[in-house]
PDB file of N, CA and C in Angstrom:
ATOM      1  N   UNK A   1     -79.704-135.414 -18.816  1.00  0.00           N
ATOM      2  CA  UNK A   1     -78.500-135.555 -19.602  1.00  0.00           C
ATOM      3  C   UNK A   1     -78.471-136.911 -20.299  1.00  0.00           C
ATOM      4  N   UNK A   2     -78.038-136.881 -21.489  1.00  0.00           N
ATOM      5  CA  UNK A   2     -77.912-138.155 -22.189  1.00  0.00           C
ATOM      6  C   UNK A   2     -76.550-138.773 -21.871  1.00  0.00           C
ATOM      7  N   UNK A   3     -76.323-139.971 -22.374  1.00  0.00           N
ATOM      8  CA  UNK A   3     -75.095-140.709 -22.069  1.00  0.00           C
ATOM      9  C   UNK A   3     -73.843-139.990 -22.547  1.00  0.00           C
ATOM     10  N   UNK A   4     -73.915-139.406 -23.701  1.00  0.00           N
ATOM     11  CA  UNK A   4     -72.745-138.756 -24.297  1.00  0.00           C
ATOM     12  C   UNK A   4     -72.303-137.557 -23.448  1.00  0.00           C
ATOM     13  N   UNK A   5     -73.237-136.709 -23.085  1.00  0.00           N
ATOM     14  CA  UNK A   5     -72.879-135.534 -22.292  1.00  0.00           C
ATOM     15  C   UNK A   5     -72.413-135.940 -20.887  1.00  0.00           C
ATOM     16  N   UNK A   6     -73.008-137.002 -20.332  1.00  0.00           N
ATOM     17  CA  UNK A   6     -72.565-137.516 -19.033  1.00  0.00           C
ATOM     18  C   UNK A   6     -71.130-138.045 -19.137  1.00  0.00           C
ATOM     19  N   UNK A   7     -70.831-138.763 -20.205  1.00  0.00           N
ATOM     20  CA  UNK A   7     -69.484-139.287 -20.430  1.00  0.00           C
ATOM     21  C   UNK A   7     -68.474-138.148 -20.558  1.00  0.00           C
ATOM     22  N   UNK A   8     -68.827-137.109 -21.312  1.00  0.00           N
ATOM     23  CA  UNK A   8     -67.931-135.968 -21.489  1.00  0.00           C
ATOM     24  C   UNK A   8     -67.710-135.224 -20.168  1.00  0.00           C
ATOM     25  N   UNK A   9     -68.766-135.089 -19.377  1.00  0.00           N
ATOM     26  CA  UNK A   9     -68.638-134.422 -18.078  1.00  0.00           C
ATOM     27  C   UNK A   9     -67.738-135.234 -17.141  1.00  0.00           C
ATOM     28  N   UNK A  10     -67.920-136.555 -17.140  1.00  0.00           N
ATOM     29  CA  UNK A  10     -67.065-137.415 -16.315  1.00  0.00           C
ATOM     30  C   UNK A  10     -65.604-137.349 -16.765  1.00  0.00           C
ATOM     31  N   UNK A  11     -65.383-137.352 -18.074  1.00  0.00           N
ATOM     32  CA  UNK A  11     -64.021-137.277 -18.607  1.00  0.00           C
ATOM     33  C   UNK A  11     -63.374-135.945 -18.224  1.00  0.00           C
ATOM     34  N   UNK A  12     -64.130-134.859 -18.289  1.00  0.00           N
ATOM     35  CA  UNK A  12     -63.596-133.547 -17.911  1.00  0.00           C
ATOM     36  C   UNK A  12     -63.267-133.518 -16.418  1.00  0.00           C
ATOM     37  N   UNK A  13     -64.127-134.109 -15.591  1.00  0.00           N
ATOM     38  CA  UNK A  13     -63.874-134.150 -14.149  1.00  0.00           C
ATOM     39  C   UNK A  13     -62.624-134.976 -13.845  1.00  0.00           C
ATOM     40  N   UNK A  14     -62.469-136.093 -14.526  1.00  0.00           N
ATOM     41  CA  UNK A  14     -61.274-136.916 -14.330  1.00  0.00           C
ATOM     42  C   UNK A  14     -60.014-136.177 -14.783  1.00  0.00           C
ATOM     43  N   UNK A  15     -60.111-135.436 -15.862  1.00  0.00           N
ATOM     44  CA  UNK A  15     -58.982-134.654 -16.367  1.00  0.00           C
ATOM     45  C   UNK A  15     -58.567-133.596 -15.342  1.00  0.00           C
ATOM     46  N   UNK A  16     -59.580-132.921 -14.758  1.00  0.00           N
ATOM     47  CA  UNK A  16     -59.292-131.922 -13.727  1.00  0.00           C
ATOM     48  C   UNK A  16     -58.628-132.573 -12.507  1.00  0.00           C
ATOM     49  N   UNK A  17     -59.143-133.738 -12.118  1.00  0.00           N
ATOM     50  CA  UNK A  17     -58.558-134.442 -10.972  1.00  0.00           C
ATOM     51  C   UNK A  17     -57.106-134.836 -11.240  1.00  0.00           C
ATOM     52  N   UNK A  18     -56.826-135.328 -12.441  1.00  0.00           N
ATOM     53  CA  UNK A  18     -55.450-135.696 -12.792  1.00  0.00           C
ATOM     54  C   UNK A  18     -54.541-134.475 -12.796  1.00  0.00           C
ATOM     55  N   UNK A  19     -55.051-133.354 -13.294  1.00  0.00           N
ATOM     56  CA  UNK A  19     -54.257-132.123 -13.320  1.00  0.00           C
ATOM     57  C   UNK A  19     -53.960-131.640 -11.897  1.00  0.00           C
ATOM     58  N   UNK A  20     -54.972-131.690 -11.025  1.00  0.00           N
ATOM     59  CA  UNK A  20     -54.755-131.305  -9.626  1.00  0.00           C
ATOM     60  C   UNK A  20     -53.760-132.242  -8.943  1.00  0.00           C
ATOM     61  N   UNK A  21     -53.848-133.523  -9.234  1.00  0.00           N
ATOM     62  CA  UNK A  21     -52.908-134.492  -8.665  1.00  0.00           C
ATOM     63  C   UNK A  21     -51.487-134.213  -9.153  1.00  0.00           C
ATOM     64  N   UNK A  22     -51.334-133.879 -10.427  1.00  0.00           N
ATOM     65  CA  UNK A  22     -50.017-133.564 -10.980  1.00  0.00           C
ATOM     66  C   UNK A  22     -49.443-132.313 -10.311  1.00  0.00           C
ATOM     67  N   UNK A  23     -50.289-131.300 -10.131  1.00  0.00           N
ATOM     68  CA  UNK A  23     -49.842-130.065  -9.473  1.00  0.00           C
ATOM     69  C   UNK A  23     -49.428-130.352  -8.028  1.00  0.00           C
ATOM     70  N   UNK A  24     -50.225-131.149  -7.319  1.00  0.00           N
ATOM     71  CA  UNK A  24     -49.884-131.507  -5.935  1.00  0.00           C
ATOM     72  C   UNK A  24     -48.573-132.283  -5.866  1.00  0.00           C
ATOM     73  N   UNK A  25     -48.357-133.190  -6.813  1.00  0.00           N
ATOM     74  CA  UNK A  25     -47.100-133.943  -6.849  1.00  0.00           C
ATOM     75  C   UNK A  25     -45.918-133.018  -7.102  1.00  0.00           C
ATOM     76  N   UNK A  26     -46.071-132.071  -8.022  1.00  0.00           N
ATOM     77  CA  UNK A  26     -44.991-131.119  -8.308  1.00  0.00           C
ATOM     78  C   UNK A  26     -44.652-130.288  -7.072  1.00  0.00           C
ATOM     79  N   UNK A  27     -45.677-129.835  -6.370  1.00  0.00           N
ATOM     80  CA  UNK A  27     -45.457-129.042  -5.155  1.00  0.00           C
ATOM     81  C   UNK A  27     -44.759-129.889  -4.087  1.00  0.00           C
ATOM     82  N   UNK A  28     -45.190-131.136  -3.927  1.00  0.00           N
ATOM     83  CA  UNK A  28     -44.565-132.014  -2.932  1.00  0.00           C
ATOM     84  C   UNK A  28     -43.095-132.258  -3.261  1.00  0.00           C
ATOM     85  N   UNK A  29     -42.787-132.453  -4.536  1.00  0.00           N
ATOM     86  CA  UNK A  29     -41.395-132.674  -4.944  1.00  0.00           C
ATOM     87  C   UNK A  29     -40.553-131.440  -4.660  1.00  0.00           C
ATOM     88  N   UNK A  30     -41.090-130.257  -4.938  1.00  0.00           N
ATOM     89  CA  UNK A  30     -40.343-129.020  -4.670  1.00  0.00           C
ATOM     90  C   UNK A  30     -40.108-128.825  -3.175  1.00  0.00           C
ATOM     91  N   UNK A  31     -41.134-129.094  -2.362  1.00  0.00           N
ATOM     92  CA  UNK A  31     -40.973-128.968  -0.910  1.00  0.00           C
ATOM     93  C   UNK A  31     -39.943-129.964  -0.376  1.00  0.00           C
ATOM     94  N   UNK A  32     -39.980-131.192  -0.895  1.00  0.00           N
ATOM     95  CA  UNK A  32     -39.012-132.194  -0.458  1.00  0.00           C
ATOM     96  C   UNK A  32     -37.593-131.788  -0.826  1.00  0.00           C
ATOM     97  N   UNK A  33     -37.425-131.246  -2.022  1.00  0.00           N
ATOM     98  CA  UNK A  33     -36.075-130.845  -2.432  1.00  0.00           C
ATOM     99  C   UNK A  33     -35.582-129.666  -1.594  1.00  0.00           C
ATOM    100  N   UNK A  34     -36.471-128.739  -1.258  1.00  0.00           N
ATOM    101  CA  UNK A  34     -36.078-127.630  -0.382  1.00  0.00           C
ATOM    102  C   UNK A  34     -35.672-128.139   0.999  1.00  0.00           C
ATOM    103  N   UNK A  35     -36.456-129.066   1.538  1.00  0.00           N
ATOM    104  CA  UNK A  35     -36.148-129.609   2.863  1.00  0.00           C
ATOM    105  C   UNK A  35     -34.830-130.376   2.838  1.00  0.00           C
ATOM    106  N   UNK A  36     -34.623-131.192   1.806  1.00  0.00           N
ATOM    107  CA  UNK A  36     -33.368-131.945   1.708  1.00  0.00           C
ATOM    108  C   UNK A  36     -32.167-131.007   1.583  1.00  0.00           C
ATOM    109  N   UNK A  37     -32.318-129.953   0.795  1.00  0.00           N
ATOM    110  CA  UNK A  37     -31.230-128.990   0.643  1.00  0.00           C
ATOM    111  C   UNK A  37     -30.905-128.304   1.952  1.00  0.00           C
ATOM    112  N   UNK A  38     -31.942-127.890   2.668  1.00  0.00           N
ATOM    113  CA  UNK A  38     -31.732-127.237   3.963  1.00  0.00           C
ATOM    114  C   UNK A  38     -31.024-128.186   4.931  1.00  0.00           C
ATOM    115  N   UNK A  39     -31.500-129.426   4.997  1.00  0.00           N
ATOM    116  CA  UNK A  39     -30.900-130.381   5.928  1.00  0.00           C
ATOM    117  C   UNK A  39     -29.455-130.705   5.551  1.00  0.00           C
ATOM    118  N   UNK A  40     -29.171-130.805   4.261  1.00  0.00           N
ATOM    119  CA  UNK A  40     -27.797-131.074   3.822  1.00  0.00           C
ATOM    120  C   UNK A  40     -26.880-129.904   4.168  1.00  0.00           C
ATOM    121  N   UNK A  41     -27.359-128.673   3.932  1.00  0.00           N
ATOM    122  CA  UNK A  41     -26.547-127.501   4.284  1.00  0.00           C
ATOM    123  C   UNK A  41     -26.321-127.429   5.790  1.00  0.00           C
ATOM    124  N   UNK A  42     -27.366-127.709   6.557  1.00  0.00           N
ATOM    125  CA  UNK A  42     -27.256-127.672   8.013  1.00  0.00           C
ATOM    126  C   UNK A  42     -26.250-128.722   8.501  1.00  0.00           C
ATOM    127  N   UNK A  43     -26.309-129.912   7.939  1.00  0.00           N
ATOM    128  CA  UNK A  43     -25.375-130.973   8.316  1.00  0.00           C
ATOM    129  C   UNK A  43     -23.941-130.577   7.960  1.00  0.00           C
ATOM    130  N   UNK A  44     -23.750-129.996   6.787  1.00  0.00           N
ATOM    131  CA  UNK A  44     -22.421-129.560   6.360  1.00  0.00           C
ATOM    132  C   UNK A  44     -21.874-128.493   7.298  1.00  0.00           C
ATOM    133  N   UNK A  45     -22.697-127.481   7.594  1.00  0.00           N
ATOM    134  CA  UNK A  45     -22.266-126.382   8.463  1.00  0.00           C
ATOM    135  C   UNK A  45     -21.937-126.905   9.858  1.00  0.00           C
ATOM    136  N   UNK A  46     -22.762-127.784  10.374  1.00  0.00           N
ATOM    137  CA  UNK A  46     -22.512-128.339  11.701  1.00  0.00           C
ATOM    138  C   UNK A  46     -21.208-129.129  11.721  1.00  0.00           C
ATOM    139  N   UNK A  47     -20.979-129.903  10.679  1.00  0.00           N
ATOM    140  CA  UNK A  47     -19.732-130.665  10.595  1.00  0.00           C
ATOM    141  C   UNK A  47     -18.511-129.769  10.530  1.00  0.00           C
ATOM    142  N   UNK A  48     -18.591-128.713   9.732  1.00  0.00           N
ATOM    143  CA  UNK A  48     -17.464-127.780   9.622  1.00  0.00           C
ATOM    144  C   UNK A  48     -17.231-127.078  10.950  1.00  0.00           C
ATOM    145  N   UNK A  49     -18.302-126.654  11.602  1.00  0.00           N
ATOM    146  CA  UNK A  49     -18.158-125.982  12.899  1.00  0.00           C
ATOM    147  C   UNK A  49     -17.508-126.905  13.934  1.00  0.00           C
ATOM    148  N   UNK A  50     -17.938-128.151  13.978  1.00  0.00           N
ATOM    149  CA  UNK A  50     -17.358-129.099  14.937  1.00  0.00           C
ATOM    150  C   UNK A  50     -15.887-129.347  14.631  1.00  0.00           C
ATOM    151  N   UNK A  51     -15.564-129.510  13.360  1.00  0.00           N
ATOM    152  CA  UNK A  51     -14.172-129.747  12.977  1.00  0.00           C
ATOM    153  C   UNK A  51     -13.298-128.553  13.326  1.00  0.00           C
ATOM    154  N   UNK A  52     -13.775-127.358  13.014  1.00  0.00           N
ATOM    155  CA  UNK A  52     -13.005-126.151  13.332  1.00  0.00           C
ATOM    156  C   UNK A  52     -12.831-126.017  14.837  1.00  0.00           C
ATOM    157  N   UNK A  53     -13.897-126.251  15.562  1.00  0.00           N
ATOM    158  CA  UNK A  53     -13.822-126.149  17.021  1.00  0.00           C
ATOM    159  C   UNK A  53     -12.819-127.159  17.577  1.00  0.00           C
ATOM    160  N   UNK A  54     -12.861-128.390  17.069  1.00  0.00           N
ATOM    161  CA  UNK A  54     -11.920-129.411  17.539  1.00  0.00           C
ATOM    162  C   UNK A  54     -10.482-129.053  17.195  1.00  0.00           C
ATOM    163  N   UNK A  55     -10.266-128.625  15.961  1.00  0.00           N
ATOM    164  CA  UNK A  55      -8.898-128.330  15.511  1.00  0.00           C
ATOM    165  C   UNK A  55      -8.284-127.162  16.278  1.00  0.00           C
ATOM    166  N   UNK A  56      -9.060-126.109  16.485  1.00  0.00           N
ATOM    167  CA  UNK A  56      -8.488-124.923  17.114  1.00  0.00           C
ATOM    168  C   UNK A  56      -8.525-124.968  18.641  1.00  0.00           C
ATOM    169  N   UNK A  57      -9.380-125.794  19.224  1.00  0.00           N
ATOM    170  CA  UNK A  57      -9.409-125.878  20.687  1.00  0.00           C
ATOM    171  C   UNK A  57      -8.288-126.760  21.222  1.00  0.00           C
ATOM    172  N   UNK A  58      -7.664-127.553  20.364  1.00  0.00           N
ATOM    173  CA  UNK A  58      -6.569-128.414  20.809  1.00  0.00           C
ATOM    174  C   UNK A  58      -5.342-127.611  21.212  1.00  0.00           C
ATOM    175  N   UNK A  59      -5.240-126.389  20.773  1.00  0.00           N
ATOM    176  CA  UNK A  59      -4.014-125.638  20.943  1.00  0.00           C
ATOM    177  C   UNK A  59      -4.102-124.573  22.032  1.00  0.00           C
ATOM    178  N   UNK A  60      -4.957-124.774  23.005  1.00  0.00           N
ATOM    179  CA  UNK A  60      -5.054-123.785  24.067  1.00  0.00           C
ATOM    180  C   UNK A  60      -3.854-123.856  25.005  1.00  0.00           C
ATOM    181  N   UNK A  61      -3.360-125.053  25.254  1.00  0.00           N
ATOM    182  CA  UNK A  61      -2.189-125.198  26.129  1.00  0.00           C
ATOM    183  C   UNK A  61      -1.219-126.176  25.465  1.00  0.00           C
ATOM    184  N   UNK A  62      -0.396-125.663  24.576  1.00  0.00           N
ATOM    185  CA  UNK A  62       0.490-126.504  23.782  1.00  0.00           C
ATOM    186  C   UNK A  62       1.559-127.196  24.619  1.00  0.00           C
ATOM    187  N   UNK A  63       2.035-126.550  25.663  1.00  0.00           N
ATOM    188  CA  UNK A  63       3.109-127.143  26.462  1.00  0.00           C
ATOM    189  C   UNK A  63       2.644-128.394  27.198  1.00  0.00           C
ATOM    190  N   UNK A  64       1.417-128.383  27.706  1.00  0.00           N
ATOM    191  CA  UNK A  64       0.908-129.543  28.432  1.00  0.00           C
ATOM    192  C   UNK A  64       0.487-130.660  27.482  1.00  0.00           C
ATOM    193  N   UNK A  65      -0.154-130.292  26.374  1.00  0.00           N
ATOM    194  CA  UNK A  65      -0.689-131.315  25.480  1.00  0.00           C
ATOM    195  C   UNK A  65       0.360-131.891  24.540  1.00  0.00           C
ATOM    196  N   UNK A  66       1.393-131.131  24.235  1.00  0.00           N
ATOM    197  CA  UNK A  66       2.427-131.613  23.334  1.00  0.00           C
ATOM    198  C   UNK A  66       1.999-131.627  21.876  1.00  0.00           C
ATOM    199  N   UNK A  67       0.912-130.977  21.558  1.00  0.00           N
ATOM    200  CA  UNK A  67       0.421-130.925  20.174  1.00  0.00           C
ATOM    201  C   UNK A  67       1.251-129.941  19.367  1.00  0.00           C
ATOM    202  N   UNK A  68       1.210-130.115  18.064  1.00  0.00           N
ATOM    203  CA  UNK A  68       1.883-129.164  17.178  1.00  0.00           C
ATOM    204  C   UNK A  68       0.844-128.262  16.540  1.00  0.00           C
ATOM    205  N   UNK A  69       1.270-127.098  16.164  1.00  0.00           N
ATOM    206  CA  UNK A  69       0.355-126.139  15.540  1.00  0.00           C
ATOM    207  C   UNK A  69      -0.025-126.594  14.141  1.00  0.00           C
ATOM    208  N   UNK A  70      -1.168-126.126  13.686  1.00  0.00           N
ATOM    209  CA  UNK A  70      -1.585-126.396  12.312  1.00  0.00           C
ATOM    210  C   UNK A  70      -0.699-125.621  11.350  1.00  0.00           C
ATOM    211  N   UNK A  71      -0.548-126.159  10.154  1.00  0.00           N
ATOM    212  CA  UNK A  71       0.222-125.429   9.147  1.00  0.00           C
ATOM    213  C   UNK A  71      -0.607-124.244   8.649  1.00  0.00           C
ATOM    214  N   UNK A  72       0.070-123.288   8.040  1.00  0.00           N
ATOM    215  CA  UNK A  72      -0.634-122.116   7.508  1.00  0.00           C
ATOM    216  C   UNK A  72      -1.669-122.514   6.468  1.00  0.00           C
ATOM    217  N   UNK A  73      -1.341-123.504   5.639  1.00  0.00           N
ATOM    218  CA  UNK A  73      -2.292-123.955   4.615  1.00  0.00           C
ATOM    219  C   UNK A  73      -3.570-124.499   5.241  1.00  0.00           C
ATOM    220  N   UNK A  74      -3.411-125.279   6.310  1.00  0.00           N
ATOM    221  CA  UNK A  74      -4.595-125.826   6.975  1.00  0.00           C
ATOM    222  C   UNK A  74      -5.433-124.721   7.607  1.00  0.00           C
ATOM    223  N   UNK A  75      -4.783-123.774   8.238  1.00  0.00           N
ATOM    224  CA  UNK A  75      -5.507-122.662   8.862  1.00  0.00           C
ATOM    225  C   UNK A  75      -6.262-121.871   7.806  1.00  0.00           C
ATOM    226  N   UNK A  76      -5.621-121.604   6.676  1.00  0.00           N
ATOM    227  CA  UNK A  76      -6.299-120.869   5.601  1.00  0.00           C
ATOM    228  C   UNK A  76      -7.474-121.654   5.039  1.00  0.00           C
ATOM    229  N   UNK A  77      -7.295-122.957   4.876  1.00  0.00           N
ATOM    230  CA  UNK A  77      -8.381-123.794   4.351  1.00  0.00           C
ATOM    231  C   UNK A  77      -9.604-123.739   5.272  1.00  0.00           C
ATOM    232  N   UNK A  78      -9.381-123.939   6.558  1.00  0.00           N
ATOM    233  CA  UNK A  78     -10.494-123.927   7.505  1.00  0.00           C
ATOM    234  C   UNK A  78     -11.063-122.521   7.677  1.00  0.00           C
ATOM    235  N   UNK A  79     -10.220-121.506   7.567  1.00  0.00           N
ATOM    236  CA  UNK A  79     -10.707-120.126   7.674  1.00  0.00           C
ATOM    237  C   UNK A  79     -11.623-119.778   6.517  1.00  0.00           C
ATOM    238  N   UNK A  80     -11.241-120.208   5.316  1.00  0.00           N
ATOM    239  CA  UNK A  80     -12.109-119.948   4.152  1.00  0.00           C
ATOM    240  C   UNK A  80     -13.463-120.617   4.318  1.00  0.00           C
ATOM    241  N   UNK A  81     -13.456-121.870   4.779  1.00  0.00           N
ATOM    242  CA  UNK A  81     -14.727-122.556   5.014  1.00  0.00           C
ATOM    243  C   UNK A  81     -15.539-121.842   6.080  1.00  0.00           C
ATOM    244  N   UNK A  82     -14.867-121.430   7.144  1.00  0.00           N
ATOM    245  CA  UNK A  82     -15.569-120.757   8.234  1.00  0.00           C
ATOM    246  C   UNK A  82     -16.186-119.450   7.763  1.00  0.00           C
ATOM    247  N   UNK A  83     -15.460-118.696   6.958  1.00  0.00           N
ATOM    248  CA  UNK A  83     -16.003-117.428   6.469  1.00  0.00           C
ATOM    249  C   UNK A  83     -17.227-117.638   5.588  1.00  0.00           C
ATOM    250  N   UNK A  84     -17.309-118.760   4.905  1.00  0.00           N
ATOM    251  CA  UNK A  84     -18.472-119.041   4.059  1.00  0.00           C
ATOM    252  C   UNK A  84     -19.706-119.382   4.883  1.00  0.00           C
ATOM    253  N   UNK A  85     -19.511-119.945   6.074  1.00  0.00           N
ATOM    254  CA  UNK A  85     -20.660-120.383   6.870  1.00  0.00           C
ATOM    255  C   UNK A  85     -20.899-119.500   8.083  1.00  0.00           C
ATOM    256  N   UNK A  86     -20.119-118.464   8.247  1.00  0.00           N
ATOM    257  CA  UNK A  86     -20.185-117.629   9.451  1.00  0.00           C
ATOM    258  C   UNK A  86     -21.527-116.921   9.577  1.00  0.00           C
ATOM    259  N   UNK A  87     -22.065-116.943  10.780  1.00  0.00           N
ATOM    260  CA  UNK A  87     -23.240-116.146  11.131  1.00  0.00           C
ATOM    261  C   UNK A  87     -22.785-115.169  12.199  1.00  0.00           C
ATOM    262  N   UNK A  88     -22.954-113.896  11.930  1.00  0.00           N
ATOM    263  CA  UNK A  88     -22.317-112.861  12.748  1.00  0.00           C
ATOM    264  C   UNK A  88     -22.630-112.921  14.237  1.00  0.00           C
ATOM    265  N   UNK A  89     -23.871-112.898  14.674  1.00  0.00           N
ATOM    266  CA  UNK A  89     -24.075-112.819  16.127  1.00  0.00           C
ATOM    267  C   UNK A  89     -23.525-114.038  16.869  1.00  0.00           C
ATOM    268  N   UNK A  90     -23.668-115.227  16.297  1.00  0.00           N
ATOM    269  CA  UNK A  90     -23.256-116.437  17.003  1.00  0.00           C
ATOM    270  C   UNK A  90     -21.749-116.631  16.992  1.00  0.00           C
ATOM    271  N   UNK A  91     -21.100-116.280  15.900  1.00  0.00           N
ATOM    272  CA  UNK A  91     -19.699-116.631  15.713  1.00  0.00           C
ATOM    273  C   UNK A  91     -18.728-115.562  16.177  1.00  0.00           C
ATOM    274  N   UNK A  92     -19.199-114.488  16.723  1.00  0.00           N
ATOM    275  CA  UNK A  92     -18.291-113.457  17.207  1.00  0.00           C
ATOM    276  C   UNK A  92     -17.730-113.795  18.581  1.00  0.00           C
ATOM    277  N   UNK A  93     -18.186-114.876  19.167  1.00  0.00           N
ATOM    278  CA  UNK A  93     -17.735-115.260  20.512  1.00  0.00           C
ATOM    279  C   UNK A  93     -16.330-115.787  20.487  1.00  0.00           C
TER     280      UNK A  93
END
């Protein structure tokens, strides 16, 4: 091979390497965004579940605790959130 054809072959190999690197970077970015989305949704759902559990478990024995009931608006707000995150087998308890 002469110098020119060697140079062209090297340039083509470098171009392929850059393209593969770009594809790998795109895939890594997509995987990271999927993982971040999953973790954010999981954190949100866990927070809502804990809040709902805390709010509604306070009222098991109102006479002893002296707590007041939640307003209808608050119950509806938390119920709507709960219905959006509900998973049937776990939440039927």
